[in-house]
Amino acid sequence: MTRTQVAEKIETTAYEFAKKELEAEIPKLESQRFRGEDLD
């Protein structure tokens, strides 16, 4: 794996982890009019 591939893998994993951790908060955020990319 190249450094770029490792960095991309870390970024993807971190994003997926954060999304999973915040999953319970998504309805609350959506009720405050956050949508799509705002949630990302």
PDB file of N, CA and C in Angstrom:
ATOM      1  N   MET A   1       0.831  -1.186   0.000  1.00  0.00           N
ATOM      2  CA  MET A   1       0.000   0.000   0.000  1.00  0.00           C
ATOM      3  C   MET A   1       0.875   1.248   0.000  1.00  0.00           C
ATOM      4  N   THR A   2       0.448   2.223  -0.774  1.00  0.00           N
ATOM      5  CA  THR A   2       1.179   3.481  -0.802  1.00  0.00           C
ATOM      6  C   THR A   2       0.729   4.365   0.373  1.00  0.00           C
ATOM      7  N   ARG A   3       1.477   5.409   0.615  1.00  0.00           N
ATOM      8  CA  ARG A   3       1.095   6.340   1.690  1.00  0.00           C
ATOM      9  C   ARG A   3      -0.272   6.948   1.424  1.00  0.00           C
ATOM     10  N   THR A   4      -0.534   7.271   0.177  1.00  0.00           N
ATOM     11  CA  THR A   4      -1.817   7.857  -0.193  1.00  0.00           C
ATOM     12  C   THR A   4      -2.953   6.877   0.089  1.00  0.00           C
ATOM     13  N   GLN A   5      -2.760   5.626  -0.246  1.00  0.00           N
ATOM     14  CA  GLN A   5      -3.780   4.616   0.010  1.00  0.00           C
ATOM     15  C   GLN A   5      -4.016   4.430   1.512  1.00  0.00           C
ATOM     16  N   VAL A   6      -2.954   4.452   2.286  1.00  0.00           N
ATOM     17  CA  VAL A   6      -3.080   4.328   3.736  1.00  0.00           C
ATOM     18  C   VAL A   6      -3.854   5.521   4.292  1.00  0.00           C
ATOM     19  N   ALA A   7      -3.514   6.706   3.836  1.00  0.00           N
ATOM     20  CA  ALA A   7      -4.203   7.919   4.300  1.00  0.00           C
ATOM     21  C   ALA A   7      -5.688   7.863   3.945  1.00  0.00           C
ATOM     22  N   GLU A   8      -6.009   7.413   2.740  1.00  0.00           N
ATOM     23  CA  GLU A   8      -7.405   7.308   2.319  1.00  0.00           C
ATOM     24  C   GLU A   8      -8.152   6.273   3.162  1.00  0.00           C
ATOM     25  N   LYS A   9      -7.502   5.179   3.457  1.00  0.00           N
ATOM     26  CA  LYS A   9      -8.107   4.133   4.279  1.00  0.00           C
ATOM     27  C   LYS A   9      -8.387   4.663   5.687  1.00  0.00           C
ATOM     28  N   ILE A  10      -7.447   5.377   6.259  1.00  0.00           N
ATOM     29  CA  ILE A  10      -7.630   5.957   7.594  1.00  0.00           C
ATOM     30  C   ILE A  10      -8.774   6.958   7.580  1.00  0.00           C
ATOM     31  N   GLU A  11      -8.807   7.798   6.567  1.00  0.00           N
ATOM     32  CA  GLU A  11      -9.864   8.800   6.461  1.00  0.00           C
ATOM     33  C   GLU A  11     -11.237   8.134   6.359  1.00  0.00           C
ATOM     34  N   THR A  12     -11.352   7.119   5.531  1.00  0.00           N
ATOM     35  CA  THR A  12     -12.610   6.406   5.364  1.00  0.00           C
ATOM     36  C   THR A  12     -13.037   5.726   6.660  1.00  0.00           C
ATOM     37  N   THR A  13     -12.101   5.079   7.312  1.00  0.00           N
ATOM     38  CA  THR A  13     -12.400   4.393   8.565  1.00  0.00           C
ATOM     39  C   THR A  13     -12.836   5.378   9.640  1.00  0.00           C
ATOM     40  N   ALA A  14     -12.155   6.495   9.739  1.00  0.00           N
ATOM     41  CA  ALA A  14     -12.505   7.521  10.731  1.00  0.00           C
ATOM     42  C   ALA A  14     -13.894   8.086  10.451  1.00  0.00           C
ATOM     43  N   TYR A  15     -14.200   8.320   9.184  1.00  0.00           N
ATOM     44  CA  TYR A  15     -15.508   8.837   8.801  1.00  0.00           C
ATOM     45  C   TYR A  15     -16.605   7.853   9.184  1.00  0.00           C
ATOM     46  N   GLU A  16     -16.397   6.583   8.852  1.00  0.00           N
ATOM     47  CA  GLU A  16     -17.388   5.556   9.164  1.00  0.00           C
ATOM     48  C   GLU A  16     -17.572   5.412  10.672  1.00  0.00           C
ATOM     49  N   PHE A  17     -16.491   5.477  11.438  1.00  0.00           N
ATOM     50  CA  PHE A  17     -16.561   5.387  12.885  1.00  0.00           C
ATOM     51  C   PHE A  17     -17.351   6.560  13.463  1.00  0.00           C
ATOM     52  N   ALA A  18     -17.041   7.756  13.012  1.00  0.00           N
ATOM     53  CA  ALA A  18     -17.737   8.956  13.505  1.00  0.00           C
ATOM     54  C   ALA A  18     -19.222   8.898  13.159  1.00  0.00           C
ATOM     55  N   LYS A  19     -19.521   8.462  11.952  1.00  0.00           N
ATOM     56  CA  LYS A  19     -20.918   8.369  11.524  1.00  0.00           C
ATOM     57  C   LYS A  19     -21.679   7.375  12.403  1.00  0.00           C
ATOM     58  N   LYS A  20     -21.059   6.266  12.705  1.00  0.00           N
ATOM     59  CA  LYS A  20     -21.689   5.258  13.557  1.00  0.00           C
ATOM     60  C   LYS A  20     -21.885   5.794  14.975  1.00  0.00           C
ATOM     61  N   GLU A  21     -20.887   6.503  15.489  1.00  0.00           N
ATOM     62  CA  GLU A  21     -20.968   7.067  16.836  1.00  0.00           C
ATOM     63  C   GLU A  21     -22.079   8.108  16.947  1.00  0.00           C
ATOM     64  N   LEU A  22     -22.316   8.849  15.879  1.00  0.00           N
ATOM     65  CA  LEU A  22     -23.310   9.923  15.895  1.00  0.00           C
ATOM     66  C   LEU A  22     -24.680   9.485  15.387  1.00  0.00           C
ATOM     67  N   GLU A  23     -24.819   8.213  15.047  1.00  0.00           N
ATOM     68  CA  GLU A  23     -26.056   7.708  14.450  1.00  0.00           C
ATOM     69  C   GLU A  23     -27.289   8.068  15.287  1.00  0.00           C
ATOM     70  N   ALA A  24     -27.191   7.975  16.579  1.00  0.00           N
ATOM     71  CA  ALA A  24     -28.329   8.286  17.453  1.00  0.00           C
ATOM     72  C   ALA A  24     -28.672   9.773  17.431  1.00  0.00           C
ATOM     73  N   GLU A  25     -27.709  10.613  17.079  1.00  0.00           N
ATOM     74  CA  GLU A  25     -27.923  12.065  17.062  1.00  0.00           C
ATOM     75  C   GLU A  25     -28.498  12.572  15.745  1.00  0.00           C
ATOM     76  N   ILE A  26     -28.463  11.758  14.710  1.00  0.00           N
ATOM     77  CA  ILE A  26     -28.880  12.216  13.382  1.00  0.00           C
ATOM     78  C   ILE A  26     -30.320  12.730  13.370  1.00  0.00           C
ATOM     79  N   PRO A  27     -31.301  12.008  13.938  1.00  0.00           N
ATOM     80  CA  PRO A  27     -32.668  12.558  13.934  1.00  0.00           C
ATOM     81  C   PRO A  27     -32.761  13.927  14.624  1.00  0.00           C
ATOM     82  N   LYS A  28     -32.036  14.092  15.708  1.00  0.00           N
ATOM     83  CA  LYS A  28     -32.036  15.375  16.417  1.00  0.00           C
ATOM     84  C   LYS A  28     -31.456  16.477  15.522  1.00  0.00           C
ATOM     85  N   LEU A  29     -30.360  16.179  14.834  1.00  0.00           N
ATOM     86  CA  LEU A  29     -29.749  17.157  13.937  1.00  0.00           C
ATOM     87  C   LEU A  29     -30.660  17.468  12.754  1.00  0.00           C
ATOM     88  N   GLU A  30     -31.314  16.427  12.219  1.00  0.00           N
ATOM     89  CA  GLU A  30     -32.233  16.651  11.105  1.00  0.00           C
ATOM     90  C   GLU A  30     -33.409  17.523  11.527  1.00  0.00           C
ATOM     91  N   SER A  31     -33.845  17.376  12.770  1.00  0.00           N
ATOM     92  CA  SER A  31     -34.947  18.207  13.244  1.00  0.00           C
ATOM     93  C   SER A  31     -34.525  19.678  13.354  1.00  0.00           C
ATOM     94  N   GLN A  32     -33.218  19.907  13.385  1.00  0.00           N
ATOM     95  CA  GLN A  32     -32.690  21.268  13.416  1.00  0.00           C
ATOM     96  C   GLN A  32     -32.316  21.738  12.014  1.00  0.00           C
ATOM     97  N   ARG A  33     -32.840  21.041  11.028  1.00  0.00           N
ATOM     98  CA  ARG A  33     -32.705  21.374   9.603  1.00  0.00           C
ATOM     99  C   ARG A  33     -31.331  21.077   8.994  1.00  0.00           C
ATOM    100  N   PHE A  34     -30.533  20.234   9.643  1.00  0.00           N
ATOM    101  CA  PHE A  34     -29.296  19.767   9.025  1.00  0.00           C
ATOM    102  C   PHE A  34     -29.658  18.660   8.060  1.00  0.00           C
ATOM    103  N   ARG A  35     -29.072  18.671   6.888  1.00  0.00           N
ATOM    104  CA  ARG A  35     -29.377  17.676   5.868  1.00  0.00           C
ATOM    105  C   ARG A  35     -28.099  17.261   5.138  1.00  0.00           C
ATOM    106  N   GLY A  36     -28.139  16.077   4.555  1.00  0.00           N
ATOM    107  CA  GLY A  36     -27.105  15.593   3.659  1.00  0.00           C
ATOM    108  C   GLY A  36     -25.689  15.971   4.017  1.00  0.00           C
ATOM    109  N   GLU A  37     -25.082  16.831   3.211  1.00  0.00           N
ATOM    110  CA  GLU A  37     -23.694  17.206   3.387  1.00  0.00           C
ATOM    111  C   GLU A  37     -23.442  17.949   4.687  1.00  0.00           C
ATOM    112  N   ASP A  38     -24.465  18.634   5.201  1.00  0.00           N
ATOM    113  CA  ASP A  38     -24.310  19.318   6.486  1.00  0.00           C
ATOM    114  C   ASP A  38     -23.988  18.304   7.584  1.00  0.00           C
ATOM    115  N   LEU A  39     -24.590  17.118   7.483  1.00  0.00           N
ATOM    116  CA  LEU A  39     -24.345  16.083   8.477  1.00  0.00           C
ATOM    117  C   LEU A  39     -22.986  15.438   8.293  1.00  0.00           C
ATOM    118  N   ASP A  40     -22.489  15.437   7.090  1.00  0.00           N
ATOM    119  CA  ASP A  40     -21.158  14.862   6.838  1.00  0.00           C
ATOM    120  C   ASP A  40     -20.117  15.765   7.395  1.00  0.00           C
TER     121      ASP A  40
END
